[in-house]
Every structure is written in C-alpha cells, then in structure tokens.
Full PDB file with SEQRES, HELIX, SHEET, SSBOND, CRYST1, ORIGX, SCALE, CONECT and MASTER records, all heavy atoms in Angstrom:
SEQRES   1 A   31  ASP ASP GLN PHE THR PHE ALA LYS LEU SER ARG ALA CYS          
SEQRES   2 A   31  GLY TYR LEU ARG ASP PRO GLN CYS ILE LEU VAL ALA THR          
SEQRES   3 A   31  ASP PRO ASP PRO TRP                                          
HELIX    1 AA1 PHE A    6  LEU A   16  1                                  11    
CRYST1    1.000    1.000    1.000  90.00  90.00  90.00 P 1           1          
ORIGX1      1.000000  0.000000  0.000000        0.00000                         
ORIGX2      0.000000  1.000000  0.000000        0.00000                         
ORIGX3      0.000000  0.000000  1.000000        0.00000                         
SCALE1      1.000000  0.000000  0.000000        0.00000                         
SCALE2      0.000000  1.000000  0.000000        0.00000                         
SCALE3      0.000000  0.000000  1.000000        0.00000                         
ATOM      1  N   ASP A   1      10.091   1.410   1.464  1.00  0.00           N  
ATOM      2  CA  ASP A   1      10.026   2.460   0.446  1.00  0.00           C  
ATOM      3  C   ASP A   1      10.427   3.787   1.063  1.00  0.00           C  
ATOM      4  O   ASP A   1       9.634   4.428   1.752  1.00  0.00           O  
ATOM      5  CB  ASP A   1       8.603   2.543  -0.118  1.00  0.00           C  
ATOM      6  CG  ASP A   1       8.500   3.469  -1.326  1.00  0.00           C  
ATOM      7  OD1 ASP A   1       9.468   4.204  -1.597  1.00  0.00           O  
ATOM      8  OD2 ASP A   1       7.445   3.464  -1.996  1.00  0.00           O  
ATOM      9  N   ASP A   2      11.665   4.212   0.805  1.00  0.00           N  
ATOM     10  CA  ASP A   2      12.125   5.480   1.373  1.00  0.00           C  
ATOM     11  C   ASP A   2      11.651   6.677   0.546  1.00  0.00           C  
ATOM     12  O   ASP A   2      11.992   7.821   0.852  1.00  0.00           O  
ATOM     13  CB  ASP A   2      13.646   5.500   1.546  1.00  0.00           C  
ATOM     14  CG  ASP A   2      14.403   5.290   0.250  1.00  0.00           C  
ATOM     15  OD1 ASP A   2      13.771   5.221  -0.824  1.00  0.00           O  
ATOM     16  OD2 ASP A   2      15.639   5.166   0.314  1.00  0.00           O  
ATOM     17  N   GLN A   3      10.843   6.396  -0.475  1.00  0.00           N  
ATOM     18  CA  GLN A   3      10.215   7.459  -1.262  1.00  0.00           C  
ATOM     19  C   GLN A   3       8.688   7.417  -1.101  1.00  0.00           C  
ATOM     20  O   GLN A   3       7.946   7.862  -1.968  1.00  0.00           O  
ATOM     21  CB  GLN A   3      10.584   7.299  -2.742  1.00  0.00           C  
ATOM     22  CG  GLN A   3      12.079   7.311  -3.025  1.00  0.00           C  
ATOM     23  CD  GLN A   3      12.730   8.632  -2.649  1.00  0.00           C  
ATOM     24  OE1 GLN A   3      12.204   9.694  -2.996  1.00  0.00           O  
ATOM     25  NE2 GLN A   3      13.849   8.586  -1.959  1.00  0.00           N  
ATOM     26  N   PHE A   4       8.236   6.899   0.028  1.00  0.00           N  
ATOM     27  CA  PHE A   4       6.809   6.779   0.313  1.00  0.00           C  
ATOM     28  C   PHE A   4       6.177   8.173   0.373  1.00  0.00           C  
ATOM     29  O   PHE A   4       6.716   9.077   1.004  1.00  0.00           O  
ATOM     30  CB  PHE A   4       6.629   6.063   1.654  1.00  0.00           C  
ATOM     31  CG  PHE A   4       5.216   5.715   2.005  1.00  0.00           C  
ATOM     32  CD1 PHE A   4       4.599   4.611   1.454  1.00  0.00           C  
ATOM     33  CD2 PHE A   4       4.508   6.492   2.913  1.00  0.00           C  
ATOM     34  CE1 PHE A   4       3.292   4.265   1.797  1.00  0.00           C  
ATOM     35  CE2 PHE A   4       3.209   6.167   3.264  1.00  0.00           C  
ATOM     36  CZ  PHE A   4       2.597   5.048   2.697  1.00  0.00           C  
ATOM     37  N   THR A   5       5.020   8.337  -0.297  1.00  0.00           N  
ATOM     38  CA  THR A   5       4.363   9.636  -0.335  1.00  0.00           C  
ATOM     39  C   THR A   5       2.852   9.485  -0.131  1.00  0.00           C  
ATOM     40  O   THR A   5       2.280   8.391  -0.250  1.00  0.00           O  
ATOM     41  CB  THR A   5       4.575  10.326  -1.695  1.00  0.00           C  
ATOM     42  OG1 THR A   5       3.944   9.530  -2.718  1.00  0.00           O  
ATOM     43  CG2 THR A   5       6.053  10.505  -2.004  1.00  0.00           C  
ATOM     44  N   PHE A   6       2.211  10.619   0.139  1.00  0.00           N  
ATOM     45  CA  PHE A   6       0.751  10.642   0.257  1.00  0.00           C  
ATOM     46  C   PHE A   6       0.123  10.211  -1.064  1.00  0.00           C  
ATOM     47  O   PHE A   6      -0.899   9.504  -1.083  1.00  0.00           O  
ATOM     48  CB  PHE A   6       0.281  12.044   0.638  1.00  0.00           C  
ATOM     49  CG  PHE A   6      -1.192  12.141   0.885  1.00  0.00           C  
ATOM     50  CD1 PHE A   6      -1.713  11.851   2.141  1.00  0.00           C  
ATOM     51  CD2 PHE A   6      -2.064  12.518  -0.130  1.00  0.00           C  
ATOM     52  CE1 PHE A   6      -3.092  11.937   2.373  1.00  0.00           C  
ATOM     53  CE2 PHE A   6      -3.433  12.604   0.093  1.00  0.00           C  
ATOM     54  CZ  PHE A   6      -3.941  12.306   1.349  1.00  0.00           C  
ATOM     55  N   ALA A   7       0.724  10.610  -2.172  1.00  0.00           N  
ATOM     56  CA  ALA A   7       0.177  10.246  -3.480  1.00  0.00           C  
ATOM     57  C   ALA A   7       0.206   8.735  -3.681  1.00  0.00           C  
ATOM     58  O   ALA A   7      -0.755   8.141  -4.203  1.00  0.00           O  
ATOM     59  CB  ALA A   7       0.954  10.947  -4.587  1.00  0.00           C  
ATOM     60  N   LYS A   8       1.301   8.087  -3.277  1.00  0.00           N  
ATOM     61  CA  LYS A   8       1.377   6.629  -3.393  1.00  0.00           C  
ATOM     62  C   LYS A   8       0.347   5.956  -2.507  1.00  0.00           C  
ATOM     63  O   LYS A   8      -0.288   4.967  -2.893  1.00  0.00           O  
ATOM     64  CB  LYS A   8       2.781   6.144  -3.023  1.00  0.00           C  
ATOM     65  CG  LYS A   8       3.865   6.464  -4.035  1.00  0.00           C  
ATOM     66  CD  LYS A   8       5.194   5.870  -3.576  1.00  0.00           C  
ATOM     67  CE  LYS A   8       6.307   6.145  -4.570  1.00  0.00           C  
ATOM     68  NZ  LYS A   8       7.605   5.550  -4.120  1.00  0.00           N  
ATOM     69  N   LEU A   9       0.182   6.484  -1.287  1.00  0.00           N  
ATOM     70  CA  LEU A   9      -0.804   5.930  -0.361  1.00  0.00           C  
ATOM     71  C   LEU A   9      -2.208   6.041  -0.959  1.00  0.00           C  
ATOM     72  O   LEU A   9      -2.999   5.084  -0.915  1.00  0.00           O  
ATOM     73  CB  LEU A   9      -0.719   6.665   0.969  1.00  0.00           C  
ATOM     74  CG  LEU A   9      -1.735   6.279   2.051  1.00  0.00           C  
ATOM     75  CD1 LEU A   9      -1.608   4.809   2.427  1.00  0.00           C  
ATOM     76  CD2 LEU A   9      -1.545   7.159   3.288  1.00  0.00           C  
ATOM     77  N   SER A  10      -2.519   7.180  -1.532  1.00  0.00           N  
ATOM     78  CA  SER A  10      -3.839   7.382  -2.137  1.00  0.00           C  
ATOM     79  C   SER A  10      -4.062   6.421  -3.297  1.00  0.00           C  
ATOM     80  O   SER A  10      -5.155   5.857  -3.470  1.00  0.00           O  
ATOM     81  CB  SER A  10      -3.974   8.826  -2.628  1.00  0.00           C  
ATOM     82  OG  SER A  10      -3.908   9.728  -1.552  1.00  0.00           O  
ATOM     83  N   ARG A  11      -3.009   6.227  -4.094  1.00  0.00           N  
ATOM     84  CA  ARG A  11      -3.135   5.325  -5.248  1.00  0.00           C  
ATOM     85  C   ARG A  11      -3.359   3.887  -4.779  1.00  0.00           C  
ATOM     86  O   ARG A  11      -4.213   3.171  -5.328  1.00  0.00           O  
ATOM     87  CB  ARG A  11      -1.875   5.427  -6.105  1.00  0.00           C  
ATOM     88  CG  ARG A  11      -1.973   4.720  -7.434  1.00  0.00           C  
ATOM     89  CD  ARG A  11      -0.733   4.975  -8.268  1.00  0.00           C  
ATOM     90  NE  ARG A  11      -0.709   4.139  -9.464  1.00  0.00           N  
ATOM     91  CZ  ARG A  11       0.344   3.998 -10.245  1.00  0.00           C  
ATOM     92  NH1 ARG A  11       1.460   4.664  -9.948  1.00  0.00           N  
ATOM     93  NH2 ARG A  11       0.286   3.215 -11.300  1.00  0.00           N  
ATOM     94  N   ALA A  12      -2.634   3.473  -3.752  1.00  0.00           N  
ATOM     95  CA  ALA A  12      -2.803   2.128  -3.206  1.00  0.00           C  
ATOM     96  C   ALA A  12      -4.231   1.934  -2.711  1.00  0.00           C  
ATOM     97  O   ALA A  12      -4.867   0.895  -2.979  1.00  0.00           O  
ATOM     98  CB  ALA A  12      -1.807   1.887  -2.077  1.00  0.00           C  
ATOM     99  N   CYS A  13      -4.743   2.922  -1.999  1.00  0.00           N  
ATOM    100  CA  CYS A  13      -6.107   2.828  -1.478  1.00  0.00           C  
ATOM    101  C   CYS A  13      -7.140   2.745  -2.601  1.00  0.00           C  
ATOM    102  O   CYS A  13      -8.156   2.042  -2.480  1.00  0.00           O  
ATOM    103  CB  CYS A  13      -6.412   4.021  -0.577  1.00  0.00           C  
ATOM    104  SG  CYS A  13      -5.497   3.998   0.976  1.00  0.00           S  
ATOM    105  N   GLY A  14      -6.868   3.448  -3.693  1.00  0.00           N  
ATOM    106  CA  GLY A  14      -7.776   3.379  -4.832  1.00  0.00           C  
ATOM    107  C   GLY A  14      -7.859   1.966  -5.398  1.00  0.00           C  
ATOM    108  O   GLY A  14      -8.955   1.463  -5.685  1.00  0.00           O  
ATOM    109  N   TYR A  15      -6.711   1.318  -5.551  1.00  0.00           N  
ATOM    110  CA  TYR A  15      -6.715  -0.054  -6.048  1.00  0.00           C  
ATOM    111  C   TYR A  15      -7.407  -0.999  -5.062  1.00  0.00           C  
ATOM    112  O   TYR A  15      -8.116  -1.927  -5.462  1.00  0.00           O  
ATOM    113  CB  TYR A  15      -5.287  -0.543  -6.290  1.00  0.00           C  
ATOM    114  CG  TYR A  15      -4.561   0.180  -7.398  1.00  0.00           C  
ATOM    115  CD1 TYR A  15      -3.268   0.667  -7.210  1.00  0.00           C  
ATOM    116  CD2 TYR A  15      -5.160   0.368  -8.645  1.00  0.00           C  
ATOM    117  CE1 TYR A  15      -2.591   1.318  -8.226  1.00  0.00           C  
ATOM    118  CE2 TYR A  15      -4.492   1.021  -9.674  1.00  0.00           C  
ATOM    119  CZ  TYR A  15      -3.207   1.500  -9.447  1.00  0.00           C  
ATOM    120  OH  TYR A  15      -2.544   2.149 -10.466  1.00  0.00           O  
ATOM    121  N   LEU A  16      -7.214  -0.765  -3.779  1.00  0.00           N  
ATOM    122  CA  LEU A  16      -7.742  -1.676  -2.761  1.00  0.00           C  
ATOM    123  C   LEU A  16      -9.242  -1.524  -2.546  1.00  0.00           C  
ATOM    124  O   LEU A  16      -9.849  -2.318  -1.818  1.00  0.00           O  
ATOM    125  CB  LEU A  16      -6.992  -1.476  -1.437  1.00  0.00           C  
ATOM    126  CG  LEU A  16      -5.544  -1.976  -1.456  1.00  0.00           C  
ATOM    127  CD1 LEU A  16      -4.780  -1.447  -0.251  1.00  0.00           C  
ATOM    128  CD2 LEU A  16      -5.501  -3.494  -1.494  1.00  0.00           C  
ATOM    129  N   ARG A  17      -9.864  -0.557  -3.177  1.00  0.00           N  
ATOM    130  CA  ARG A  17     -11.328  -0.476  -3.132  1.00  0.00           C  
ATOM    131  C   ARG A  17     -11.950  -1.651  -3.892  1.00  0.00           C  
ATOM    132  O   ARG A  17     -13.112  -2.005  -3.653  1.00  0.00           O  
ATOM    133  CB  ARG A  17     -11.791   0.854  -3.727  1.00  0.00           C  
ATOM    134  CG  ARG A  17     -11.436   2.063  -2.873  1.00  0.00           C  
ATOM    135  CD  ARG A  17     -11.963   3.340  -3.484  1.00  0.00           C  
ATOM    136  NE  ARG A  17     -13.426   3.359  -3.522  1.00  0.00           N  
ATOM    137  CZ  ARG A  17     -14.142   4.317  -4.110  1.00  0.00           C  
ATOM    138  NH1 ARG A  17     -13.517   5.335  -4.714  1.00  0.00           N  
ATOM    139  NH2 ARG A  17     -15.448   4.264  -4.103  1.00  0.00           N  
ATOM    140  N   ASP A  18     -11.172  -2.238  -4.791  1.00  0.00           N  
ATOM    141  CA  ASP A  18     -11.627  -3.431  -5.513  1.00  0.00           C  
ATOM    142  C   ASP A  18     -11.424  -4.638  -4.601  1.00  0.00           C  
ATOM    143  O   ASP A  18     -10.289  -4.955  -4.233  1.00  0.00           O  
ATOM    144  CB  ASP A  18     -10.805  -3.592  -6.793  1.00  0.00           C  
ATOM    145  CG  ASP A  18     -11.218  -4.811  -7.617  1.00  0.00           C  
ATOM    146  OD1 ASP A  18     -12.025  -5.632  -7.116  1.00  0.00           O  
ATOM    147  OD2 ASP A  18     -10.717  -4.951  -8.737  1.00  0.00           O  
ATOM    148  N   PRO A  19     -12.467  -5.361  -4.220  1.00  0.00           N  
ATOM    149  CA  PRO A  19     -12.304  -6.501  -3.308  1.00  0.00           C  
ATOM    150  C   PRO A  19     -11.471  -7.631  -3.877  1.00  0.00           C  
ATOM    151  O   PRO A  19     -10.995  -8.488  -3.129  1.00  0.00           O  
ATOM    152  CB  PRO A  19     -13.755  -6.947  -3.047  1.00  0.00           C  
ATOM    153  CG  PRO A  19     -14.562  -6.399  -4.169  1.00  0.00           C  
ATOM    154  CD  PRO A  19     -13.883  -5.130  -4.571  1.00  0.00           C  
ATOM    155  N   GLN A  20     -11.272  -7.632  -5.210  1.00  0.00           N  
ATOM    156  CA  GLN A  20     -10.433  -8.665  -5.822  1.00  0.00           C  
ATOM    157  C   GLN A  20      -8.944  -8.320  -5.744  1.00  0.00           C  
ATOM    158  O   GLN A  20      -8.105  -9.151  -6.102  1.00  0.00           O  
ATOM    159  CB  GLN A  20     -10.837  -8.891  -7.278  1.00  0.00           C  
ATOM    160  CG  GLN A  20     -12.172  -9.589  -7.440  1.00  0.00           C  
ATOM    161  CD  GLN A  20     -12.399 -10.002  -8.882  1.00  0.00           C  
ATOM    162  OE1 GLN A  20     -12.618  -9.165  -9.770  1.00  0.00           O  
ATOM    163  NE2 GLN A  20     -12.334 -11.291  -9.132  1.00  0.00           N  
ATOM    164  N   CYS A  21      -8.630  -7.121  -5.314  1.00  0.00           N  
ATOM    165  CA  CYS A  21      -7.229  -6.694  -5.166  1.00  0.00           C  
ATOM    166  C   CYS A  21      -6.774  -7.026  -3.750  1.00  0.00           C  
ATOM    167  O   CYS A  21      -7.372  -6.582  -2.775  1.00  0.00           O  
ATOM    168  CB  CYS A  21      -7.102  -5.195  -5.434  1.00  0.00           C  
ATOM    169  SG  CYS A  21      -5.417  -4.561  -5.316  1.00  0.00           S  
ATOM    170  N   ILE A  22      -5.695  -7.812  -3.631  1.00  0.00           N  
ATOM    171  CA  ILE A  22      -5.209  -8.216  -2.318  1.00  0.00           C  
ATOM    172  C   ILE A  22      -4.098  -7.272  -1.843  1.00  0.00           C  
ATOM    173  O   ILE A  22      -3.398  -6.656  -2.654  1.00  0.00           O  
ATOM    174  CB  ILE A  22      -4.695  -9.673  -2.311  1.00  0.00           C  
ATOM    175  CG1 ILE A  22      -3.523  -9.859  -3.292  1.00  0.00           C  
ATOM    176  CG2 ILE A  22      -5.829 -10.646  -2.616  1.00  0.00           C  
ATOM    177  CD1 ILE A  22      -2.890 -11.247  -3.229  1.00  0.00           C  
ATOM    178  N   LEU A  23      -3.973  -7.150  -0.530  1.00  0.00           N  
ATOM    179  CA  LEU A  23      -2.923  -6.341   0.084  1.00  0.00           C  
ATOM    180  C   LEU A  23      -1.898  -7.280   0.712  1.00  0.00           C  
ATOM    181  O   LEU A  23      -2.240  -8.113   1.553  1.00  0.00           O  
ATOM    182  CB  LEU A  23      -3.521  -5.426   1.145  1.00  0.00           C  
ATOM    183  CG  LEU A  23      -2.532  -4.603   1.998  1.00  0.00           C  
ATOM    184  CD1 LEU A  23      -1.661  -3.700   1.119  1.00  0.00           C  
ATOM    185  CD2 LEU A  23      -3.283  -3.779   3.041  1.00  0.00           C  
ATOM    186  N   VAL A  24      -0.633  -7.149   0.292  1.00  0.00           N  
ATOM    187  CA  VAL A  24       0.445  -8.022   0.751  1.00  0.00           C  
ATOM    188  C   VAL A  24       1.589  -7.152   1.244  1.00  0.00           C  
ATOM    189  O   VAL A  24       1.915  -6.123   0.633  1.00  0.00           O  
ATOM    190  CB  VAL A  24       0.932  -8.947  -0.393  1.00  0.00           C  
ATOM    191  CG1 VAL A  24       2.100  -9.810   0.065  1.00  0.00           C  
ATOM    192  CG2 VAL A  24      -0.219  -9.819  -0.897  1.00  0.00           C  
ATOM    193  N   ALA A  25       2.212  -7.555   2.345  1.00  0.00           N  
ATOM    194  CA  ALA A  25       3.391  -6.862   2.878  1.00  0.00           C  
ATOM    195  C   ALA A  25       4.568  -7.818   2.881  1.00  0.00           C  
ATOM    196  O   ALA A  25       4.416  -9.007   3.183  1.00  0.00           O  
ATOM    197  CB  ALA A  25       3.126  -6.348   4.290  1.00  0.00           C  
ATOM    198  N   THR A  26       5.746  -7.293   2.559  1.00  0.00           N  
ATOM    199  CA  THR A  26       6.932  -8.153   2.541  1.00  0.00           C  
ATOM    200  C   THR A  26       7.321  -8.609   3.933  1.00  0.00           C  
ATOM    201  O   THR A  26       7.813  -9.726   4.114  1.00  0.00           O  
ATOM    202  CB  THR A  26       8.131  -7.428   1.898  1.00  0.00           C  
ATOM    203  OG1 THR A  26       8.422  -6.235   2.651  1.00  0.00           O  
ATOM    204  CG2 THR A  26       7.858  -7.065   0.447  1.00  0.00           C  
ATOM    205  N   ASP A  27       7.121  -7.752   4.951  1.00  0.00           N  
ATOM    206  CA  ASP A  27       7.570  -8.082   6.304  1.00  0.00           C  
ATOM    207  C   ASP A  27       6.883  -7.146   7.289  1.00  0.00           C  
ATOM    208  O   ASP A  27       6.347  -6.114   6.898  1.00  0.00           O  
ATOM    209  CB  ASP A  27       9.095  -7.952   6.417  1.00  0.00           C  
ATOM    210  CG  ASP A  27       9.563  -6.518   6.231  1.00  0.00           C  
ATOM    211  OD1 ASP A  27       9.792  -6.092   5.073  1.00  0.00           O  
ATOM    212  OD2 ASP A  27       9.688  -5.811   7.246  1.00  0.00           O  
ATOM    213  N   PRO A  28       6.928  -7.504   8.590  1.00  0.00           N  
ATOM    214  CA  PRO A  28       6.257  -6.664   9.590  1.00  0.00           C  
ATOM    215  C   PRO A  28       7.191  -5.736  10.357  1.00  0.00           C  
ATOM    216  O   PRO A  28       6.748  -5.084  11.303  1.00  0.00           O  
ATOM    217  CB  PRO A  28       5.680  -7.719  10.541  1.00  0.00           C  
ATOM    218  CG  PRO A  28       6.731  -8.791  10.554  1.00  0.00           C  
ATOM    219  CD  PRO A  28       7.313  -8.811   9.154  1.00  0.00           C  
ATOM    220  N   ASP A  29       8.478  -5.674   9.990  1.00  0.00           N  
ATOM    221  CA  ASP A  29       9.450  -4.929  10.790  1.00  0.00           C  
ATOM    222  C   ASP A  29       9.033  -3.464  10.927  1.00  0.00           C  
ATOM    223  O   ASP A  29       8.939  -2.750   9.919  1.00  0.00           O  
ATOM    224  CB  ASP A  29      10.842  -4.998  10.169  1.00  0.00           C  
ATOM    225  CG  ASP A  29      11.439  -6.393  10.224  1.00  0.00           C  
ATOM    226  OD1 ASP A  29      10.731  -7.324  10.650  1.00  0.00           O  
ATOM    227  OD2 ASP A  29      12.608  -6.558   9.834  1.00  0.00           O  
ATOM    228  N   PRO A  30       8.807  -2.963  12.139  1.00  0.00           N  
ATOM    229  CA  PRO A  30       8.324  -1.586  12.301  1.00  0.00           C  
ATOM    230  C   PRO A  30       9.408  -0.538  12.078  1.00  0.00           C  
ATOM    231  O   PRO A  30       9.110   0.591  11.710  1.00  0.00           O  
ATOM    232  CB  PRO A  30       7.836  -1.553  13.754  1.00  0.00           C  
ATOM    233  CG  PRO A  30       8.656  -2.601  14.446  1.00  0.00           C  
ATOM    234  CD  PRO A  30       8.888  -3.680  13.425  1.00  0.00           C  
ATOM    235  N   TRP A  31      10.656  -0.896  12.316  1.00  0.00           N  
ATOM    236  CA  TRP A  31      11.761   0.049  12.171  1.00  0.00           C  
ATOM    237  C   TRP A  31      13.059  -0.721  11.969  1.00  0.00           C  
ATOM    238  O   TRP A  31      13.131  -1.933  12.204  1.00  0.00           O  
ATOM    239  CB  TRP A  31      11.879   0.969  13.397  1.00  0.00           C  
ATOM    240  CG  TRP A  31      11.980   0.223  14.714  1.00  0.00           C  
ATOM    241  CD1 TRP A  31      10.935  -0.151  15.524  1.00  0.00           C  
ATOM    242  CD2 TRP A  31      13.167  -0.259  15.347  1.00  0.00           C  
ATOM    243  NE1 TRP A  31      11.402  -0.836  16.621  1.00  0.00           N  
ATOM    244  CE2 TRP A  31      12.763  -0.914  16.551  1.00  0.00           C  
ATOM    245  CE3 TRP A  31      14.520  -0.207  15.042  1.00  0.00           C  
ATOM    246  CZ2 TRP A  31      13.679  -1.511  17.418  1.00  0.00           C  
ATOM    247  CZ3 TRP A  31      15.432  -0.799  15.907  1.00  0.00           C  
ATOM    248  CH2 TRP A  31      15.022  -1.443  17.085  1.00  0.00           C  
TER     249      TRP A  31                                                      
MASTER        0    0    0    1    0    0    0    6  248    1    0    3          
END                                                                             
C-alpha cells in the first residue's frame, strides 16, 4: 500500500480489537 497512512493504521487497529477479526498479510517481503 503506497498510500499507507496513520489513519489507516488506526482504523485497522480498531477492527483488530475484536478477537473475532483476523489479521492476514499477503506476503512477508520487507522491501
């Protein structure tokens, strides 16, 4: 996501406070 922002990060964290919401990543490539 080349448009990654603090607002998006905050929104993601809000959803993840729900234990039924899973966190998934497409890949681990650091750069």
